[in-house]
Amino acid sequence: MSQKRKQYSAEFKAKVAMQALREELTVAQLAQKYGIHPTMISYWKKQLAEHAAEIFAHGTQHDDTAQTIAELYRQIGQLKVENDFLASRPGIIPFASVPST
């Protein structure tokens, strides 16, 4: 029978990789402490170092996303007011097609 591969959470990987980057303990000591192969810890450490810039890059995208969301909420509010205004006018047919010229 084959054994199922053990899967680790992202939080656990980050915790172990950060400890490896701090170099308070050697990779071998961390491997023994957590029961993980030293190669795995080295791989997580390398991944963390390579992708650290992406973590900070997402912060600027978050600002753009927040501005986009704010603009969309403003447009929703404006459309709601217009819709309520048109709904209160019985003589106006909403969504009436305009003849093309």
Protein backbone atom coordinates (compact mmCIF):
# COMPACT_ATOMS: atom_id res chain seq x y z
CA MET A 1 0.00 0.00 0.00
CA SER A 2 1.22 3.45 -0.81
CA GLN A 3 1.22 6.11 1.83
CA LYS A 4 -0.70 9.31 1.33
CA ARG A 5 1.48 12.40 1.04
CA LYS A 6 1.29 14.67 4.00
CA GLN A 7 -0.03 18.13 3.20
CA TYR A 8 0.85 21.20 5.23
CA SER A 9 -1.14 24.39 5.58
CA ALA A 10 0.14 27.64 4.13
CA GLU A 11 0.38 29.08 7.65
CA PHE A 12 2.58 26.21 8.80
CA LYS A 13 4.83 26.50 5.75
CA ALA A 14 5.19 30.25 6.28
CA LYS A 15 5.97 29.76 9.96
CA VAL A 16 8.71 27.20 9.29
CA ALA A 17 10.14 29.17 6.34
CA MET A 18 10.31 32.36 8.43
CA GLN A 19 12.16 30.50 11.16
CA ALA A 20 14.56 29.15 8.56
CA LEU A 21 15.16 32.67 7.19
CA ARG A 22 15.86 34.01 10.68
CA GLU A 23 18.55 31.34 11.05
CA GLU A 24 18.05 31.05 14.81
CA LEU A 25 18.07 27.27 14.31
CA THR A 26 19.72 25.32 11.52
CA VAL A 27 17.60 23.67 8.84
CA ALA A 28 18.49 20.30 10.36
CA GLN A 29 17.30 21.44 13.79
CA LEU A 30 14.05 22.77 12.33
CA ALA A 31 13.56 19.51 10.45
CA GLN A 32 13.95 17.53 13.62
CA LYS A 33 11.73 19.91 15.58
CA TYR A 34 8.83 19.71 13.11
CA GLY A 35 9.43 16.23 11.71
CA ILE A 36 9.95 17.47 8.17
CA HIS A 37 12.67 16.62 5.68
CA PRO A 38 15.36 19.35 5.51
CA THR A 39 14.95 19.58 1.74
CA MET A 40 11.31 20.54 2.21
CA ILE A 41 12.25 23.36 4.58
CA SER A 42 14.90 24.61 2.15
CA TYR A 43 12.32 24.59 -0.65
CA TRP A 44 9.80 26.58 1.44
CA LYS A 45 12.52 29.02 2.42
CA LYS A 46 13.48 29.52 -1.23
CA GLN A 47 9.82 30.01 -2.22
CA LEU A 48 9.32 32.61 0.51
CA ALA A 49 12.42 34.54 -0.51
CA GLU A 50 11.48 34.49 -4.21
CA HIS A 51 7.84 35.50 -3.75
CA ALA A 52 8.23 38.05 -0.96
CA ALA A 53 8.01 40.93 -3.46
CA GLU A 54 4.59 39.72 -4.60
CA ILE A 55 3.24 40.10 -1.09
CA PHE A 56 4.06 43.79 -1.12
CA ALA A 57 2.92 44.22 -4.73
CA HIS A 58 -0.58 43.08 -3.75
CA GLY A 59 -0.80 46.07 -1.40
CA THR A 60 -0.80 48.53 -4.31
CA GLN A 61 -3.36 46.45 -6.15
CA HIS A 62 -5.51 46.56 -3.03
CA ASP A 63 -5.52 50.37 -3.17
CA ASP A 64 -6.63 50.28 -6.82
CA THR A 65 -9.31 47.74 -5.96
CA ALA A 66 -10.58 49.89 -3.10
CA GLN A 67 -10.87 52.89 -5.42
CA THR A 68 -12.72 50.82 -8.02
CA ILE A 69 -15.12 49.50 -5.40
CA ALA A 70 -15.78 53.02 -4.11
CA GLU A 71 -16.52 54.23 -7.66
CA LEU A 72 -18.87 51.30 -8.28
CA TYR A 73 -20.76 52.00 -5.04
CA ARG A 74 -21.09 55.66 -6.09
CA GLN A 75 -22.52 54.60 -9.46
CA ILE A 76 -24.92 52.16 -7.80
CA GLY A 77 -26.16 54.94 -5.52
CA GLN A 78 -26.67 57.28 -8.46
CA LEU A 79 -28.56 54.64 -10.44
CA LYS A 80 -30.74 53.83 -7.42
CA VAL A 81 -31.73 57.49 -7.07
CA GLU A 82 -32.52 57.72 -10.78
CA ASN A 83 -34.51 54.49 -10.64
CA ASP A 84 -36.52 55.69 -7.64
CA PHE A 85 -37.21 59.01 -9.40
CA LEU A 86 -38.43 57.30 -12.55
CA ALA A 87 -40.53 54.81 -10.57
CA SER A 88 -42.36 57.68 -8.85
CA ARG A 89 -43.35 59.20 -12.25
CA PRO A 90 -46.30 57.23 -13.65
CA GLY A 91 -46.27 59.00 -17.03
CA ILE A 92 -42.66 58.04 -17.77
CA ILE A 93 -42.09 54.58 -19.18
CA PRO A 94 -38.73 53.32 -17.97
CA PHE A 95 -36.51 51.57 -20.50
CA ALA A 96 -38.57 52.87 -23.42
CA SER A 97 -36.81 52.38 -26.70
CA VAL A 98 -35.78 55.54 -28.46
CA PRO A 99 -36.41 55.47 -32.21
CA SER A 100 -33.19 55.63 -34.20
CA THR A 101 -32.74 58.44 -36.67
